[in-house]
Amino acid sequence: MSAIHPEKNVILVHGIFRQSKVFAKMKQQLEQDGYRVYTPDLYHHWGALSLSDVAGQLAEFIDSTLPAESSFDLVGLSMGGIVSRYYLQRLGGVDRVQRFISIASPHFGTWFAYTFPRRTGLEMRPGSRLLQDLNGDLEKLNLEMTSIWTFWDFIIVPAHHCCLPVGEVVQVKVIPHGMMAWSDRTIEVVRQRLQQPR
């Protein structure tokens, strides 16, 4: 295993239906690259909680795990990308995070969320109040950012709603949504972006 890089902390934030184990392959590869990788399990109680509440759990995990002066990179999968953005834009995370990478995250909502009529799902519908709020001040995201998406995403509909108009956008050939965290293509993009100098 490579030596741990100083200030090379990476936090991986899972999506709505699968928890931290979804990152098993990515975590292993990043650790081999010399990163300290953290994969918190966050809970939305079957959709009863707001994404802001889930972001609060993320903030508590970070505050209890990493020293206040340490920086880190943040990778959010699907819903985890929106949770990460709330942390960045509303809970002060932008002051500590060096790079933010979203993987198949519904930045502009997904029609699939209409099949999940609880609060978590409501907030991921196109035009939701929470998404409008976050998308209204994207200039706060003053950091290195990458949106990773696939055209063959049948959960984030339309798929291009994964693409933020700021930062870099990378399309990968992965089918379907559920394979995004496991795909070698996705993992390689994440590895490359984490290695880029600020």
N, C-alpha and C. Protein backbone atom coordinates (compact mmCIF):
# COMPACT_ATOMS: atom_id res chain seq x y z
N MET A 1 0.84 -1.20 0.00
CA MET A 1 0.00 0.00 0.00
C MET A 1 0.88 1.25 0.00
N SER A 2 0.45 2.26 -0.74
CA SER A 2 1.20 3.51 -0.82
C SER A 2 1.16 4.23 0.52
N ALA A 3 2.16 5.09 0.71
CA ALA A 3 2.16 5.92 1.91
C ALA A 3 0.98 6.88 1.87
N ILE A 4 0.42 7.17 3.04
CA ILE A 4 -0.70 8.10 3.13
C ILE A 4 -0.24 9.50 2.76
N HIS A 5 -0.95 10.13 1.86
CA HIS A 5 -0.64 11.51 1.49
C HIS A 5 -1.11 12.45 2.60
N PRO A 6 -0.32 13.42 2.99
CA PRO A 6 -0.80 14.41 3.96
C PRO A 6 -1.97 15.18 3.38
N GLU A 7 -2.98 15.41 4.19
CA GLU A 7 -4.18 16.14 3.77
C GLU A 7 -4.88 15.48 2.59
N LYS A 8 -4.71 14.17 2.44
CA LYS A 8 -5.40 13.46 1.38
C LYS A 8 -6.53 12.64 1.98
N ASN A 9 -7.49 13.33 2.53
CA ASN A 9 -8.68 12.70 3.08
C ASN A 9 -9.78 12.77 2.04
N VAL A 10 -10.47 11.67 1.84
CA VAL A 10 -11.58 11.61 0.90
C VAL A 10 -12.80 11.04 1.61
N ILE A 11 -13.93 11.73 1.48
CA ILE A 11 -15.19 11.25 2.05
C ILE A 11 -16.12 10.88 0.90
N LEU A 12 -16.62 9.65 0.92
CA LEU A 12 -17.54 9.15 -0.09
C LEU A 12 -18.95 9.11 0.49
N VAL A 13 -19.88 9.76 -0.18
CA VAL A 13 -21.25 9.90 0.34
C VAL A 13 -22.21 9.11 -0.54
N HIS A 14 -22.86 8.12 0.05
CA HIS A 14 -23.71 7.19 -0.71
C HIS A 14 -25.06 7.81 -1.09
N GLY A 15 -25.82 7.04 -1.88
CA GLY A 15 -27.12 7.50 -2.35
C GLY A 15 -28.27 7.02 -1.49
N ILE A 16 -29.46 6.99 -2.09
CA ILE A 16 -30.68 6.80 -1.31
C ILE A 16 -30.95 5.34 -0.93
N PHE A 17 -30.65 4.39 -1.81
CA PHE A 17 -31.07 3.02 -1.58
C PHE A 17 -29.96 2.09 -1.08
N ARG A 18 -28.70 2.49 -1.27
CA ARG A 18 -27.59 1.65 -0.82
C ARG A 18 -26.64 2.49 0.03
N GLN A 19 -26.09 1.85 1.06
CA GLN A 19 -25.24 2.61 1.97
C GLN A 19 -23.77 2.45 1.60
N SER A 20 -22.89 2.60 2.56
CA SER A 20 -21.47 2.78 2.26
C SER A 20 -20.82 1.60 1.54
N LYS A 21 -21.40 0.41 1.65
CA LYS A 21 -20.80 -0.75 0.98
C LYS A 21 -20.76 -0.60 -0.53
N VAL A 22 -21.58 0.29 -1.07
CA VAL A 22 -21.58 0.53 -2.51
C VAL A 22 -20.22 1.05 -2.98
N PHE A 23 -19.44 1.60 -2.05
CA PHE A 23 -18.13 2.15 -2.40
C PHE A 23 -16.97 1.19 -2.13
N ALA A 24 -17.25 -0.08 -1.88
CA ALA A 24 -16.19 -1.02 -1.48
C ALA A 24 -15.04 -1.04 -2.48
N LYS A 25 -15.35 -1.14 -3.75
CA LYS A 25 -14.31 -1.22 -4.78
C LYS A 25 -13.56 0.11 -4.91
N MET A 26 -14.30 1.20 -4.96
CA MET A 26 -13.67 2.52 -5.09
C MET A 26 -12.80 2.82 -3.87
N LYS A 27 -13.30 2.51 -2.70
CA LYS A 27 -12.54 2.75 -1.46
C LYS A 27 -11.22 1.99 -1.49
N GLN A 28 -11.27 0.73 -1.88
CA GLN A 28 -10.06 -0.08 -1.93
C GLN A 28 -9.02 0.52 -2.88
N GLN A 29 -9.47 0.96 -4.04
CA GLN A 29 -8.53 1.50 -5.02
C GLN A 29 -7.96 2.84 -4.56
N LEU A 30 -8.78 3.67 -3.95
CA LEU A 30 -8.28 4.95 -3.46
C LEU A 30 -7.30 4.76 -2.31
N GLU A 31 -7.57 3.79 -1.46
CA GLU A 31 -6.63 3.50 -0.37
C GLU A 31 -5.30 3.00 -0.92
N GLN A 32 -5.35 2.23 -2.00
CA GLN A 32 -4.11 1.79 -2.64
C GLN A 32 -3.34 2.96 -3.22
N ASP A 33 -4.06 4.02 -3.58
CA ASP A 33 -3.41 5.24 -4.07
C ASP A 33 -2.85 6.10 -2.94
N GLY A 34 -3.12 5.72 -1.70
CA GLY A 34 -2.55 6.44 -0.57
C GLY A 34 -3.48 7.42 0.11
N TYR A 35 -4.78 7.31 -0.14
CA TYR A 35 -5.74 8.23 0.48
C TYR A 35 -6.32 7.62 1.75
N ARG A 36 -6.69 8.48 2.68
CA ARG A 36 -7.54 8.06 3.80
C ARG A 36 -8.97 8.22 3.32
N VAL A 37 -9.70 7.14 3.31
CA VAL A 37 -11.05 7.16 2.74
C VAL A 37 -12.07 6.89 3.84
N TYR A 38 -13.07 7.74 3.92
CA TYR A 38 -14.13 7.63 4.91
C TYR A 38 -15.46 7.42 4.19
N THR A 39 -16.25 6.47 4.68
CA THR A 39 -17.53 6.15 4.04
C THR A 39 -18.63 6.10 5.10
N PRO A 40 -19.13 7.25 5.52
CA PRO A 40 -20.18 7.26 6.55
C PRO A 40 -21.49 6.66 6.05
N ASP A 41 -22.20 6.02 6.95
CA ASP A 41 -23.57 5.58 6.66
C ASP A 41 -24.53 6.66 7.16
N LEU A 42 -25.30 7.21 6.25
CA LEU A 42 -26.26 8.26 6.58
C LEU A 42 -27.67 7.70 6.44
N TYR A 43 -28.60 8.25 7.20
CA TYR A 43 -29.95 7.67 7.26
C TYR A 43 -31.01 8.72 6.95
N HIS A 44 -31.92 8.36 6.06
CA HIS A 44 -33.05 9.25 5.75
C HIS A 44 -34.37 8.67 6.26
N HIS A 45 -34.29 7.53 6.95
CA HIS A 45 -35.46 6.88 7.55
C HIS A 45 -36.56 6.67 6.51
N TRP A 46 -36.16 5.93 5.47
CA TRP A 46 -37.08 5.58 4.38
C TRP A 46 -37.77 6.81 3.80
N GLY A 47 -36.98 7.86 3.65
CA GLY A 47 -37.48 9.05 2.95
C GLY A 47 -38.17 10.05 3.83
N ALA A 48 -38.22 9.81 5.14
CA ALA A 48 -38.95 10.73 6.02
C ALA A 48 -38.19 12.03 6.28
N LEU A 49 -36.87 11.99 6.16
CA LEU A 49 -36.07 13.17 6.48
C LEU A 49 -35.80 14.02 5.25
N SER A 50 -35.59 15.30 5.51
CA SER A 50 -35.15 16.20 4.45
C SER A 50 -33.69 15.92 4.12
N LEU A 51 -33.29 16.24 2.90
CA LEU A 51 -31.88 16.12 2.54
C LEU A 51 -31.02 17.04 3.39
N SER A 52 -31.60 18.12 3.88
CA SER A 52 -30.86 19.01 4.78
C SER A 52 -30.54 18.30 6.09
N ASP A 53 -31.46 17.45 6.56
CA ASP A 53 -31.20 16.66 7.78
C ASP A 53 -30.08 15.65 7.54
N VAL A 54 -30.11 15.02 6.37
CA VAL A 54 -29.06 14.05 6.04
C VAL A 54 -27.71 14.77 5.93
N ALA A 55 -27.72 15.96 5.35
CA ALA A 55 -26.49 16.76 5.27
C ALA A 55 -25.98 17.12 6.66
N GLY A 56 -26.90 17.33 7.59
CA GLY A 56 -26.50 17.58 8.98
C GLY A 56 -25.78 16.39 9.57
N GLN A 57 -26.25 15.17 9.24
CA GLN A 57 -25.54 13.97 9.70
C GLN A 57 -24.13 13.92 9.12
N LEU A 58 -24.02 14.29 7.84
CA LEU A 58 -22.70 14.31 7.21
C LEU A 58 -21.78 15.30 7.92
N ALA A 59 -22.30 16.47 8.22
CA ALA A 59 -21.50 17.49 8.92
C ALA A 59 -21.05 16.99 10.29
N GLU A 60 -21.95 16.32 11.01
CA GLU A 60 -21.59 15.78 12.32
C GLU A 60 -20.49 14.72 12.20
N PHE A 61 -20.61 13.87 11.18
CA PHE A 61 -19.58 12.86 10.97
C PHE A 61 -18.23 13.51 10.71
N ILE A 62 -18.22 14.50 9.83
CA ILE A 62 -16.97 15.17 9.48
C ILE A 62 -16.36 15.85 10.71
N ASP A 63 -17.19 16.56 11.46
CA ASP A 63 -16.69 17.28 12.63
C ASP A 63 -16.15 16.34 13.70
N SER A 64 -16.71 15.15 13.78
CA SER A 64 -16.28 14.20 14.81
C SER A 64 -15.13 13.30 14.35
N THR A 65 -14.82 13.35 13.06
CA THR A 65 -13.82 12.44 12.50
C THR A 65 -12.53 13.14 12.11
N LEU A 66 -12.65 14.33 11.52
CA LEU A 66 -11.48 15.04 11.02
C LEU A 66 -11.20 16.27 11.86
N PRO A 67 -9.93 16.58 12.12
CA PRO A 67 -9.59 17.81 12.84
C PRO A 67 -10.15 19.02 12.11
N ALA A 68 -10.52 20.03 12.86
CA ALA A 68 -11.17 21.21 12.28
C ALA A 68 -10.32 21.90 11.23
N GLU A 69 -9.01 21.80 11.36
CA GLU A 69 -8.12 22.50 10.42
C GLU A 69 -7.81 21.68 9.18
N SER A 70 -8.25 20.43 9.12
CA SER A 70 -7.89 19.57 7.99
C SER A 70 -8.86 19.77 6.82
N SER A 71 -8.32 19.64 5.63
CA SER A 71 -9.13 19.73 4.42
C SER A 71 -9.38 18.33 3.88
N PHE A 72 -10.28 18.23 2.92
CA PHE A 72 -10.60 16.92 2.36
C PHE A 72 -11.30 17.09 1.02
N ASP A 73 -11.42 15.99 0.31
CA ASP A 73 -12.17 15.94 -0.94
C ASP A 73 -13.48 15.20 -0.69
N LEU A 74 -14.50 15.56 -1.45
CA LEU A 74 -15.84 15.04 -1.23
C LEU A 74 -16.36 14.44 -2.53
N VAL A 75 -16.83 13.19 -2.44
CA VAL A 75 -17.39 12.50 -3.60
C VAL A 75 -18.80 12.06 -3.24
N GLY A 76 -19.79 12.50 -4.01
CA GLY A 76 -21.18 12.16 -3.73
C GLY A 76 -21.79 11.34 -4.84
N LEU A 77 -22.42 10.23 -4.49
CA LEU A 77 -23.08 9.35 -5.46
C LEU A 77 -24.58 9.58 -5.43
N SER A 78 -25.16 9.90 -6.57
CA SER A 78 -26.60 10.06 -6.71
C SER A 78 -27.13 11.05 -5.66
N MET A 79 -28.04 10.64 -4.79
CA MET A 79 -28.53 11.52 -3.74
C MET A 79 -27.39 12.10 -2.91
N GLY A 80 -26.32 11.32 -2.75
CA GLY A 80 -25.17 11.79 -1.97
C GLY A 80 -24.54 13.05 -2.53
N GLY A 81 -24.69 13.26 -3.84
CA GLY A 81 -24.19 14.50 -4.43
C GLY A 81 -24.99 15.71 -3.99
N ILE A 82 -26.29 15.54 -3.82
CA ILE A 82 -27.14 16.65 -3.36
C ILE A 82 -26.91 16.89 -1.87
N VAL A 83 -26.79 15.82 -1.11
CA VAL A 83 -26.46 15.96 0.31
C VAL A 83 -25.13 16.69 0.46
N SER A 84 -24.16 16.33 -0.36
CA SER A 84 -22.85 16.98 -0.31
C SER A 84 -22.96 18.46 -0.67
N ARG A 85 -23.77 18.78 -1.66
CA ARG A 85 -23.93 20.18 -2.04
C ARG A 85 -24.58 20.98 -0.93
N TYR A 86 -25.53 20.40 -0.23
CA TYR A 86 -26.15 21.12 0.88
C TYR A 86 -25.09 21.40 1.95
N TYR A 87 -24.26 20.41 2.22
CA TYR A 87 -23.17 20.60 3.18
C TYR A 87 -22.23 21.71 2.71
N LEU A 88 -21.90 21.70 1.43
CA LEU A 88 -20.98 22.70 0.89
C LEU A 88 -21.58 24.10 0.91
N GLN A 89 -22.82 24.21 0.43
CA GLN A 89 -23.42 25.52 0.20
C GLN A 89 -24.15 26.10 1.40
N ARG A 90 -24.59 25.26 2.34
CA ARG A 90 -25.41 25.75 3.44
C ARG A 90 -24.82 25.50 4.82
N LEU A 91 -23.87 24.58 4.91
CA LEU A 91 -23.32 24.23 6.23
C LEU A 91 -21.83 24.55 6.34
N GLY A 92 -21.33 25.38 5.45
CA GLY A 92 -19.95 25.85 5.55
C GLY A 92 -18.89 24.92 5.02
N GLY A 93 -19.29 23.83 4.38
CA GLY A 93 -18.31 22.86 3.91
C GLY A 93 -17.37 23.38 2.84
N VAL A 94 -17.83 24.38 2.10
CA VAL A 94 -17.00 24.91 1.01
C VAL A 94 -15.68 25.48 1.53
N ASP A 95 -15.63 25.83 2.80
CA ASP A 95 -14.40 26.38 3.38
C ASP A 95 -13.34 25.31 3.65
N ARG A 96 -13.75 24.03 3.64
CA ARG A 96 -12.82 22.96 3.96
C ARG A 96 -12.56 22.01 2.79
N VAL A 97 -13.50 21.93 1.89
CA VAL A 97 -13.40 20.94 0.81
C VAL A 97 -12.55 21.48 -0.33
N GLN A 98 -11.62 20.66 -0.80
CA GLN A 98 -10.74 21.04 -1.90
C GLN A 98 -11.36 20.71 -3.25
N ARG A 99 -11.93 19.52 -3.35
CA ARG A 99 -12.53 19.06 -4.60
C ARG A 99 -13.86 18.40 -4.31
N PHE A 100 -14.82 18.62 -5.20
CA PHE A 100 -16.13 17.97 -5.09
C PHE A 100 -16.41 17.25 -6.40
N ILE A 101 -16.68 15.96 -6.28
CA ILE A 101 -17.01 15.14 -7.45
C ILE A 101 -18.38 14.54 -7.22
N SER A 102 -19.29 14.78 -8.15
CA SER A 102 -20.61 14.15 -8.06
C SER A 102 -20.70 13.06 -9.12
N ILE A 103 -21.32 11.96 -8.75
CA ILE A 103 -21.48 10.81 -9.65
C ILE A 103 -22.97 10.54 -9.81
N ALA A 104 -23.49 10.78 -11.01
CA ALA A 104 -24.90 10.50 -11.31
C ALA A 104 -25.84 11.12 -10.28
N SER A 105 -25.62 12.39 -9.98
CA SER A 105 -26.44 13.09 -8.98
C SER A 105 -27.49 13.96 -9.67
N PRO A 106 -28.72 13.96 -9.17
CA PRO A 106 -29.82 14.71 -9.82
C PRO A 106 -29.80 16.19 -9.46
N HIS A 107 -28.80 16.91 -9.95
CA HIS A 107 -28.66 18.33 -9.60
C HIS A 107 -29.87 19.15 -10.02
N PHE A 108 -30.53 18.72 -11.07
CA PHE A 108 -31.73 19.41 -11.53
C PHE A 108 -32.96 18.51 -11.43
N GLY A 109 -32.85 17.51 -10.56
CA GLY A 109 -33.99 16.64 -10.28
C GLY A 109 -34.10 15.47 -11.24
N THR A 110 -34.94 14.53 -10.85
CA THR A 110 -35.21 13.36 -11.69
C THR A 110 -36.69 13.02 -11.64
N TRP A 111 -37.23 12.67 -12.79
CA TRP A 111 -38.65 12.28 -12.83
C TRP A 111 -38.87 10.98 -12.07
N PHE A 112 -37.83 10.18 -11.90
CA PHE A 112 -37.95 8.94 -11.15
C PHE A 112 -38.35 9.20 -9.71
N ALA A 113 -38.05 10.39 -9.20
CA ALA A 113 -38.39 10.72 -7.81
C ALA A 113 -39.90 10.74 -7.58
N TYR A 114 -40.68 10.83 -8.65
CA TYR A 114 -42.14 10.79 -8.48
C TYR A 114 -42.62 9.41 -8.05
N THR A 115 -41.77 8.40 -8.14
CA THR A 115 -42.14 7.07 -7.65
C THR A 115 -41.84 6.90 -6.17
N PHE A 116 -41.28 7.93 -5.55
CA PHE A 116 -40.89 7.87 -4.13
C PHE A 116 -41.51 9.07 -3.42
N PRO A 117 -42.81 8.97 -3.07
CA PRO A 117 -43.56 10.13 -2.58
C PRO A 117 -43.37 10.44 -1.10
N ARG A 118 -42.13 10.43 -0.65
CA ARG A 118 -41.82 10.87 0.70
C ARG A 118 -40.86 12.05 0.60
N ARG A 119 -40.53 12.65 1.73
CA ARG A 119 -39.84 13.93 1.69
C ARG A 119 -38.53 13.89 0.91
N THR A 120 -37.74 12.84 1.14
CA THR A 120 -36.47 12.73 0.42
C THR A 120 -36.70 12.71 -1.08
N GLY A 121 -37.70 11.95 -1.52
CA GLY A 121 -38.02 11.89 -2.94
C GLY A 121 -38.57 13.19 -3.47
N LEU A 122 -39.44 13.83 -2.70
CA LEU A 122 -40.03 15.11 -3.12
C LEU A 122 -38.95 16.14 -3.41
N GLU A 123 -37.89 16.12 -2.61
CA GLU A 123 -36.84 17.13 -2.76
C GLU A 123 -35.92 16.85 -3.95
N MET A 124 -36.04 15.67 -4.54
CA MET A 124 -35.23 15.38 -5.72
C MET A 124 -36.04 15.42 -7.01
N ARG A 125 -37.26 15.95 -6.93
CA ARG A 125 -38.05 16.14 -8.14
C ARG A 125 -37.61 17.42 -8.85
N PRO A 126 -37.70 17.44 -10.17
CA PRO A 126 -37.34 18.67 -10.90
C PRO A 126 -38.13 19.87 -10.37
N GLY A 127 -37.42 20.96 -10.12
CA GLY A 127 -38.07 22.18 -9.66
C GLY A 127 -38.39 22.22 -8.19
N SER A 128 -37.91 21.24 -7.41
CA SER A 128 -38.20 21.25 -5.97
C SER A 128 -37.61 22.50 -5.32
N ARG A 129 -38.19 22.89 -4.21
CA ARG A 129 -37.72 24.09 -3.52
C ARG A 129 -36.26 23.96 -3.12
N LEU A 130 -35.87 22.78 -2.63
CA LEU A 130 -34.49 22.59 -2.19
C LEU A 130 -33.52 22.72 -3.36
N LEU A 131 -33.84 22.09 -4.49
CA LEU A 131 -32.94 22.16 -5.64
C LEU A 131 -32.89 23.58 -6.21
N GLN A 132 -34.02 24.25 -6.25
CA GLN A 132 -34.01 25.64 -6.72
C GLN A 132 -33.13 26.50 -5.82
N ASP A 133 -33.22 26.25 -4.53
CA ASP A 133 -32.40 27.01 -3.57
C ASP A 133 -30.91 26.78 -3.82
N LEU A 134 -30.52 25.51 -3.94
CA LEU A 134 -29.10 25.20 -4.15
C LEU A 134 -28.61 25.70 -5.51
N ASN A 135 -29.46 25.59 -6.53
CA ASN A 135 -29.04 26.00 -7.87
C ASN A 135 -29.08 27.50 -8.06
N GLY A 136 -29.63 28.20 -7.07
CA GLY A 136 -29.72 29.66 -7.17
C GLY A 136 -28.45 30.39 -6.82
N ASP A 137 -27.51 29.70 -6.18
CA ASP A 137 -26.24 30.37 -5.86
C ASP A 137 -25.05 29.43 -6.06
N LEU A 138 -24.96 28.92 -7.28
CA LEU A 138 -23.87 28.02 -7.62
C LEU A 138 -22.50 28.67 -7.49
N GLU A 139 -22.50 30.02 -7.50
CA GLU A 139 -21.22 30.72 -7.38
C GLU A 139 -20.54 30.45 -6.04
N LYS A 140 -21.31 29.94 -5.05
CA LYS A 140 -20.71 29.59 -3.77
C LYS A 140 -19.77 28.39 -3.89
N LEU A 141 -19.95 27.62 -4.95
CA LEU A 141 -19.13 26.43 -5.13
C LEU A 141 -17.79 26.81 -5.76
N ASN A 142 -17.02 27.56 -5.01
CA ASN A 142 -15.73 28.06 -5.48
C ASN A 142 -14.63 27.05 -5.16
N LEU A 143 -14.68 25.91 -5.86
CA LEU A 143 -13.71 24.85 -5.64
C LEU A 143 -13.63 24.01 -6.91
N GLU A 144 -12.71 23.06 -6.93
CA GLU A 144 -12.59 22.17 -8.08
C GLU A 144 -13.78 21.21 -8.08
N MET A 145 -14.51 21.18 -9.21
CA MET A 145 -15.72 20.35 -9.26
C MET A 145 -15.76 19.54 -10.54
N THR A 146 -16.32 18.34 -10.41
CA THR A 146 -16.52 17.47 -11.57
C THR A 146 -17.88 16.80 -11.44
N SER A 147 -18.66 16.83 -12.52
CA SER A 147 -19.92 16.08 -12.60
C SER A 147 -19.70 14.89 -13.52
N ILE A 148 -19.86 13.69 -12.99
CA ILE A 148 -19.72 12.47 -13.79
C ILE A 148 -21.12 11.94 -14.08
N TRP A 149 -21.39 11.62 -15.34
CA TRP A 149 -22.73 11.15 -15.69
C TRP A 149 -22.65 10.13 -16.82
N THR A 150 -23.75 9.40 -17.02
CA THR A 150 -23.86 8.47 -18.13
C THR A 150 -25.17 8.72 -18.87
N PHE A 151 -25.12 8.62 -20.17
CA PHE A 151 -26.32 8.78 -20.99
C PHE A 151 -27.33 7.68 -20.69
N TRP A 152 -26.83 6.51 -20.24
CA TRP A 152 -27.69 5.35 -20.00
C TRP A 152 -28.12 5.26 -18.54
N ASP A 153 -28.43 6.40 -17.97
CA ASP A 153 -28.90 6.45 -16.58
C ASP A 153 -30.42 6.48 -16.59
N PHE A 154 -31.02 5.39 -16.15
CA PHE A 154 -32.48 5.31 -16.20
C PHE A 154 -33.12 5.62 -14.85
N ILE A 155 -32.32 6.11 -13.91
CA ILE A 155 -32.82 6.57 -12.62
C ILE A 155 -32.84 8.09 -12.58
N ILE A 156 -31.78 8.72 -13.05
CA ILE A 156 -31.77 10.17 -13.19
C ILE A 156 -32.30 10.49 -14.58
N VAL A 157 -33.54 10.95 -14.62
CA VAL A 157 -34.23 11.20 -15.89
C VAL A 157 -34.72 12.64 -15.92
N PRO A 158 -34.28 13.42 -16.91
CA PRO A 158 -33.32 13.09 -17.96
C PRO A 158 -31.90 13.03 -17.42
N ALA A 159 -31.06 12.23 -18.08
CA ALA A 159 -29.72 11.97 -17.57
C ALA A 159 -28.86 13.23 -17.49
N HIS A 160 -29.09 14.18 -18.39
CA HIS A 160 -28.24 15.38 -18.37
C HIS A 160 -28.50 16.26 -17.15
N HIS A 161 -29.53 15.94 -16.35
CA HIS A 161 -29.74 16.67 -15.11
C HIS A 161 -28.63 16.39 -14.09
N CYS A 162 -27.74 15.46 -14.42
CA CYS A 162 -26.57 15.19 -13.57
C CYS A 162 -25.45 16.21 -13.78
N CYS A 163 -25.58 17.05 -14.80
CA CYS A 163 -24.48 17.92 -15.21
C CYS A 163 -24.65 19.32 -14.65
N LEU A 164 -23.75 19.72 -13.78
CA LEU A 164 -23.74 21.09 -13.28
C LEU A 164 -23.16 22.02 -14.34
N PRO A 165 -23.65 23.26 -14.40
CA PRO A 165 -23.12 24.22 -15.37
C PRO A 165 -21.81 24.86 -14.93
N VAL A 166 -21.26 24.41 -13.84
CA VAL A 166 -19.97 24.90 -13.35
C VAL A 166 -19.04 23.71 -13.16
N GLY A 167 -17.74 23.95 -13.24
CA GLY A 167 -16.79 22.87 -13.11
C GLY A 167 -16.70 22.05 -14.38
N GLU A 168 -16.16 20.86 -14.24
CA GLU A 168 -15.94 19.97 -15.38
C GLU A 168 -17.04 18.92 -15.44
N VAL A 169 -17.42 18.54 -16.65
CA VAL A 169 -18.43 17.50 -16.86
C VAL A 169 -17.78 16.35 -17.62
N VAL A 170 -17.92 15.14 -17.10
CA VAL A 170 -17.31 13.97 -17.74
C VAL A 170 -18.39 12.90 -17.94
N GLN A 171 -18.57 12.49 -19.19
CA GLN A 171 -19.51 11.42 -19.49
C GLN A 171 -18.76 10.09 -19.55
N VAL A 172 -19.32 9.07 -18.91
CA VAL A 172 -18.73 7.74 -18.95
C VAL A 172 -19.74 6.77 -19.56
N LYS A 173 -19.22 5.74 -20.20
CA LYS A 173 -20.09 4.73 -20.81
C LYS A 173 -20.32 3.62 -19.79
N VAL A 174 -21.34 3.83 -18.98
CA VAL A 174 -21.69 2.87 -17.93
C VAL A 174 -23.19 2.61 -17.99
N ILE A 175 -23.58 1.35 -17.90
CA ILE A 175 -24.99 0.96 -17.86
C ILE A 175 -25.18 0.04 -16.67
N PRO A 176 -26.20 0.28 -15.84
CA PRO A 176 -27.04 1.46 -15.70
C PRO A 176 -26.55 2.30 -14.51
N HIS A 177 -27.48 3.07 -13.92
CA HIS A 177 -27.20 3.94 -12.77
C HIS A 177 -26.52 3.16 -11.64
N GLY A 178 -27.03 1.99 -11.35
CA GLY A 178 -26.55 1.22 -10.21
C GLY A 178 -25.11 0.75 -10.31
N MET A 179 -24.54 0.82 -11.50
CA MET A 179 -23.15 0.38 -11.69
C MET A 179 -22.16 1.54 -11.61
N MET A 180 -22.65 2.76 -11.44
CA MET A 180 -21.76 3.91 -11.53
C MET A 180 -20.64 3.88 -10.49
N ALA A 181 -20.93 3.46 -9.27
CA ALA A 181 -19.89 3.44 -8.23
C ALA A 181 -18.92 2.28 -8.40
N TRP A 182 -19.33 1.25 -9.14
CA TRP A 182 -18.51 0.05 -9.29
C TRP A 182 -17.67 0.06 -10.56
N SER A 183 -18.06 0.86 -11.52
CA SER A 183 -17.43 0.84 -12.83
C SER A 183 -15.97 1.29 -12.78
N ASP A 184 -15.11 0.55 -13.48
CA ASP A 184 -13.71 0.95 -13.58
C ASP A 184 -13.59 2.31 -14.25
N ARG A 185 -14.48 2.60 -15.20
CA ARG A 185 -14.43 3.90 -15.89
C ARG A 185 -14.69 5.04 -14.91
N THR A 186 -15.72 4.89 -14.10
CA THR A 186 -16.03 5.92 -13.11
C THR A 186 -14.88 6.08 -12.11
N ILE A 187 -14.41 4.97 -11.60
CA ILE A 187 -13.35 5.02 -10.59
C ILE A 187 -12.10 5.68 -11.15
N GLU A 188 -11.78 5.41 -12.40
CA GLU A 188 -10.60 6.02 -13.00
C GLU A 188 -10.75 7.53 -13.12
N VAL A 189 -11.95 8.00 -13.47
CA VAL A 189 -12.18 9.45 -13.52
C VAL A 189 -12.02 10.06 -12.13
N VAL A 190 -12.57 9.41 -11.12
CA VAL A 190 -12.44 9.90 -9.75
C VAL A 190 -10.96 9.98 -9.36
N ARG A 191 -10.22 8.93 -9.64
CA ARG A 191 -8.79 8.91 -9.29
C ARG A 191 -8.04 10.04 -9.99
N GLN A 192 -8.33 10.24 -11.26
CA GLN A 192 -7.65 11.30 -12.02
C GLN A 192 -7.97 12.68 -11.45
N ARG A 193 -9.24 12.92 -11.13
CA ARG A 193 -9.63 14.24 -10.64
C ARG A 193 -9.05 14.51 -9.25
N LEU A 194 -8.96 13.48 -8.43
CA LEU A 194 -8.39 13.67 -7.10
C LEU A 194 -6.89 13.97 -7.16
N GLN A 195 -6.25 13.52 -8.21
CA GLN A 195 -4.81 13.74 -8.34
C GLN A 195 -4.46 15.08 -8.97
N GLN A 196 -5.46 15.77 -9.52
CA GLN A 196 -5.18 17.05 -10.15
C GLN A 196 -4.79 18.09 -9.10
N PRO A 197 -3.74 18.87 -9.37
CA PRO A 197 -3.36 19.93 -8.42
C PRO A 197 -4.41 21.02 -8.38
N ARG A 198 -4.55 21.64 -7.23
CA ARG A 198 -5.50 22.74 -7.09
C ARG A 198 -4.91 24.00 -7.67
